[in-house]
Amino acid sequence: MIEQVLGEYGLDDTEIGMDTRFGRDLELESIDLVTLAGLLEDRYGRLVNFAEFVASMELEEIIELSVGRLVEYVCLCLKAAGRD
């Protein structure tokens, strides 16, 4: 899904790892995170609420949000719903 968002900028060959940060490393803007939230909802429905996840963070945490932290959140949501 991240590659799909990056593909809009022609960056679909960018290397992404668990420590990759959305803002600093991928230079995604807030609108890109909204797009990612939509893709997550399309795939997982209401099980993964990206907006709620981000709303629980301080601004600095959002700026430093890593792929790994998002993956952990998605896994937590799926496990809580019995879909791990």
N, C-alpha and C. Protein backbone atom coordinates (compact mmCIF):
# COMPACT_ATOMS: atom_id res chain seq x y z
N MET A 1 0.81 -1.18 0.00
CA MET A 1 0.00 0.00 0.00
C MET A 1 0.87 1.26 0.00
N ILE A 2 1.96 1.20 0.72
CA ILE A 2 2.88 2.34 0.75
C ILE A 2 3.48 2.54 -0.63
N GLU A 3 3.84 1.45 -1.27
CA GLU A 3 4.39 1.54 -2.63
C GLU A 3 3.36 2.13 -3.59
N GLN A 4 2.10 1.82 -3.38
CA GLN A 4 1.04 2.37 -4.22
C GLN A 4 0.98 3.90 -4.06
N VAL A 5 1.09 4.38 -2.83
CA VAL A 5 1.09 5.83 -2.58
C VAL A 5 2.33 6.46 -3.20
N LEU A 6 3.48 5.82 -3.03
CA LEU A 6 4.72 6.35 -3.58
C LEU A 6 4.71 6.33 -5.11
N GLY A 7 4.01 5.36 -5.68
CA GLY A 7 3.93 5.24 -7.13
C GLY A 7 3.32 6.46 -7.79
N GLU A 8 2.50 7.18 -7.05
CA GLU A 8 1.89 8.39 -7.59
C GLU A 8 2.95 9.46 -7.86
N TYR A 9 4.10 9.34 -7.21
CA TYR A 9 5.19 10.29 -7.38
C TYR A 9 6.33 9.71 -8.21
N GLY A 10 6.13 8.51 -8.72
CA GLY A 10 7.19 7.86 -9.48
C GLY A 10 8.29 7.32 -8.59
N LEU A 11 7.97 7.08 -7.32
CA LEU A 11 8.96 6.60 -6.36
C LEU A 11 8.68 5.17 -5.94
N ASP A 12 8.02 4.40 -6.79
CA ASP A 12 7.62 3.06 -6.41
C ASP A 12 8.77 2.08 -6.28
N ASP A 13 10.00 2.49 -6.62
CA ASP A 13 11.15 1.61 -6.44
C ASP A 13 11.95 1.97 -5.19
N THR A 14 11.41 2.85 -4.35
CA THR A 14 12.06 3.27 -3.11
C THR A 14 12.10 2.10 -2.13
N GLU A 15 13.25 1.90 -1.51
CA GLU A 15 13.39 0.83 -0.54
C GLU A 15 12.70 1.22 0.77
N ILE A 16 11.87 0.31 1.28
CA ILE A 16 11.09 0.57 2.48
C ILE A 16 11.37 -0.53 3.49
N GLY A 17 11.68 -0.14 4.72
CA GLY A 17 11.91 -1.09 5.80
C GLY A 17 11.12 -0.69 7.03
N MET A 18 11.23 -1.46 8.07
CA MET A 18 10.48 -1.19 9.30
C MET A 18 10.89 0.15 9.94
N ASP A 19 12.12 0.57 9.74
CA ASP A 19 12.59 1.82 10.34
C ASP A 19 12.34 3.04 9.44
N THR A 20 11.83 2.82 8.25
CA THR A 20 11.56 3.92 7.32
C THR A 20 10.48 4.81 7.91
N ARG A 21 10.74 6.11 7.93
CA ARG A 21 9.77 7.06 8.47
C ARG A 21 9.00 7.71 7.32
N PHE A 22 7.71 7.85 7.52
CA PHE A 22 6.84 8.38 6.47
C PHE A 22 7.20 9.81 6.10
N GLY A 23 7.44 10.65 7.09
CA GLY A 23 7.73 12.05 6.82
C GLY A 23 9.16 12.29 6.41
N ARG A 24 10.07 11.92 7.26
CA ARG A 24 11.49 12.23 7.05
C ARG A 24 12.11 11.46 5.90
N ASP A 25 11.83 10.17 5.81
CA ASP A 25 12.49 9.33 4.79
C ASP A 25 11.72 9.31 3.47
N LEU A 26 10.40 9.19 3.55
CA LEU A 26 9.60 9.09 2.33
C LEU A 26 9.04 10.43 1.89
N GLU A 27 9.14 11.41 2.77
CA GLU A 27 8.66 12.77 2.50
C GLU A 27 7.19 12.81 2.11
N LEU A 28 6.40 11.97 2.78
CA LEU A 28 4.96 11.97 2.53
C LEU A 28 4.32 13.14 3.25
N GLU A 29 3.34 13.73 2.63
CA GLU A 29 2.57 14.83 3.20
C GLU A 29 1.33 14.26 3.88
N SER A 30 0.62 15.11 4.59
CA SER A 30 -0.58 14.64 5.29
C SER A 30 -1.61 14.06 4.33
N ILE A 31 -1.72 14.63 3.14
CA ILE A 31 -2.67 14.10 2.16
C ILE A 31 -2.30 12.68 1.74
N ASP A 32 -1.01 12.39 1.72
CA ASP A 32 -0.55 11.04 1.39
C ASP A 32 -0.94 10.06 2.49
N LEU A 33 -0.89 10.52 3.73
CA LEU A 33 -1.31 9.67 4.85
C LEU A 33 -2.81 9.43 4.80
N VAL A 34 -3.57 10.41 4.34
CA VAL A 34 -5.01 10.23 4.16
C VAL A 34 -5.25 9.16 3.09
N THR A 35 -4.49 9.21 2.02
CA THR A 35 -4.59 8.20 0.96
C THR A 35 -4.27 6.82 1.53
N LEU A 36 -3.20 6.74 2.31
CA LEU A 36 -2.82 5.47 2.93
C LEU A 36 -3.92 4.98 3.87
N ALA A 37 -4.52 5.89 4.62
CA ALA A 37 -5.63 5.52 5.51
C ALA A 37 -6.77 4.91 4.71
N GLY A 38 -7.06 5.50 3.55
CA GLY A 38 -8.12 4.97 2.69
C GLY A 38 -7.80 3.58 2.18
N LEU A 39 -6.55 3.36 1.82
CA LEU A 39 -6.13 2.03 1.35
C LEU A 39 -6.23 1.00 2.47
N LEU A 40 -5.85 1.40 3.67
CA LEU A 40 -5.97 0.49 4.82
C LEU A 40 -7.43 0.14 5.07
N GLU A 41 -8.30 1.14 4.98
CA GLU A 41 -9.72 0.88 5.20
C GLU A 41 -10.29 -0.01 4.10
N ASP A 42 -9.86 0.22 2.86
CA ASP A 42 -10.32 -0.63 1.76
C ASP A 42 -9.95 -2.09 2.01
N ARG A 43 -8.76 -2.30 2.55
CA ARG A 43 -8.27 -3.67 2.76
C ARG A 43 -8.82 -4.31 4.04
N TYR A 44 -8.86 -3.55 5.13
CA TYR A 44 -9.21 -4.13 6.43
C TYR A 44 -10.55 -3.65 6.98
N GLY A 45 -11.22 -2.77 6.27
CA GLY A 45 -12.48 -2.25 6.78
C GLY A 45 -12.24 -1.41 8.02
N ARG A 46 -13.17 -1.44 8.92
CA ARG A 46 -13.08 -0.63 10.15
C ARG A 46 -12.19 -1.27 11.22
N LEU A 47 -11.62 -2.43 10.91
CA LEU A 47 -10.75 -3.08 11.88
C LEU A 47 -9.50 -2.25 12.18
N VAL A 48 -9.02 -1.53 11.18
CA VAL A 48 -7.82 -0.72 11.33
C VAL A 48 -8.23 0.75 11.14
N ASN A 49 -8.26 1.48 12.23
CA ASN A 49 -8.68 2.88 12.19
C ASN A 49 -7.44 3.78 12.25
N PHE A 50 -6.90 4.10 11.10
CA PHE A 50 -5.68 4.89 11.00
C PHE A 50 -5.87 6.28 11.60
N ALA A 51 -7.02 6.88 11.36
CA ALA A 51 -7.28 8.22 11.90
C ALA A 51 -7.24 8.22 13.42
N GLU A 52 -7.83 7.22 14.03
CA GLU A 52 -7.81 7.10 15.49
C GLU A 52 -6.38 6.88 15.99
N PHE A 53 -5.62 6.07 15.29
CA PHE A 53 -4.24 5.79 15.63
C PHE A 53 -3.41 7.08 15.63
N VAL A 54 -3.53 7.86 14.58
CA VAL A 54 -2.78 9.10 14.46
C VAL A 54 -3.26 10.13 15.48
N ALA A 55 -4.56 10.16 15.73
CA ALA A 55 -5.13 11.13 16.68
C ALA A 55 -4.60 10.91 18.10
N SER A 56 -4.16 9.71 18.39
CA SER A 56 -3.66 9.41 19.73
C SER A 56 -2.20 9.85 19.92
N MET A 57 -1.58 10.38 18.86
CA MET A 57 -0.16 10.75 18.90
C MET A 57 0.04 12.25 19.06
N GLU A 58 1.20 12.58 19.60
CA GLU A 58 1.66 13.96 19.62
C GLU A 58 2.21 14.29 18.24
N LEU A 59 2.33 15.58 17.92
CA LEU A 59 2.81 16.00 16.61
C LEU A 59 4.17 15.40 16.28
N GLU A 60 5.10 15.40 17.23
CA GLU A 60 6.44 14.86 16.98
C GLU A 60 6.38 13.36 16.65
N GLU A 61 5.47 12.64 17.30
CA GLU A 61 5.31 11.21 17.02
C GLU A 61 4.79 10.99 15.60
N ILE A 62 3.89 11.85 15.17
CA ILE A 62 3.36 11.74 13.80
C ILE A 62 4.48 12.00 12.80
N ILE A 63 5.28 13.03 13.06
CA ILE A 63 6.38 13.37 12.16
C ILE A 63 7.38 12.21 12.07
N GLU A 64 7.61 11.53 13.17
CA GLU A 64 8.59 10.44 13.22
C GLU A 64 7.97 9.06 13.01
N LEU A 65 6.69 9.01 12.62
CA LEU A 65 6.00 7.73 12.45
C LEU A 65 6.75 6.84 11.47
N SER A 66 7.03 5.62 11.90
CA SER A 66 7.76 4.67 11.06
C SER A 66 6.81 3.60 10.52
N VAL A 67 7.26 2.97 9.47
CA VAL A 67 6.52 1.86 8.88
C VAL A 67 6.32 0.77 9.94
N GLY A 68 7.35 0.50 10.71
CA GLY A 68 7.27 -0.54 11.74
C GLY A 68 6.19 -0.26 12.77
N ARG A 69 6.07 0.99 13.18
CA ARG A 69 5.05 1.33 14.17
C ARG A 69 3.66 1.14 13.58
N LEU A 70 3.48 1.50 12.32
CA LEU A 70 2.19 1.29 11.67
C LEU A 70 1.90 -0.20 11.53
N VAL A 71 2.90 -0.97 11.15
CA VAL A 71 2.72 -2.43 11.01
C VAL A 71 2.32 -3.03 12.36
N GLU A 72 2.97 -2.60 13.44
CA GLU A 72 2.60 -3.09 14.78
C GLU A 72 1.16 -2.76 15.10
N TYR A 73 0.73 -1.55 14.76
CA TYR A 73 -0.65 -1.15 15.02
C TYR A 73 -1.63 -2.01 14.23
N VAL A 74 -1.36 -2.21 12.95
CA VAL A 74 -2.24 -3.03 12.12
C VAL A 74 -2.32 -4.46 12.69
N CYS A 75 -1.18 -5.01 13.05
CA CYS A 75 -1.16 -6.37 13.62
C CYS A 75 -1.96 -6.44 14.91
N LEU A 76 -1.82 -5.43 15.75
CA LEU A 76 -2.57 -5.36 17.01
C LEU A 76 -4.07 -5.33 16.74
N CYS A 77 -4.49 -4.51 15.79
CA CYS A 77 -5.91 -4.40 15.45
C CYS A 77 -6.45 -5.73 14.93
N LEU A 78 -5.70 -6.37 14.05
CA LEU A 78 -6.14 -7.63 13.49
C LEU A 78 -6.18 -8.74 14.54
N LYS A 79 -5.20 -8.73 15.42
CA LYS A 79 -5.18 -9.73 16.49
C LYS A 79 -6.37 -9.52 17.43
N ALA A 80 -6.66 -8.26 17.76
CA ALA A 80 -7.80 -7.96 18.63
C ALA A 80 -9.12 -8.41 18.01
N ALA A 81 -9.18 -8.39 16.69
CA ALA A 81 -10.38 -8.81 15.98
C ALA A 81 -10.38 -10.31 15.67
N GLY A 82 -9.30 -10.99 16.09
CA GLY A 82 -9.21 -12.43 15.85
C GLY A 82 -8.83 -12.78 14.43
N ARG A 83 -8.16 -11.83 13.75
CA ARG A 83 -7.77 -12.06 12.35
C ARG A 83 -6.27 -11.98 12.17
N ASP A 84 -5.52 -12.55 13.05
CA ASP A 84 -4.05 -12.52 12.93
C ASP A 84 -3.62 -13.62 12.01
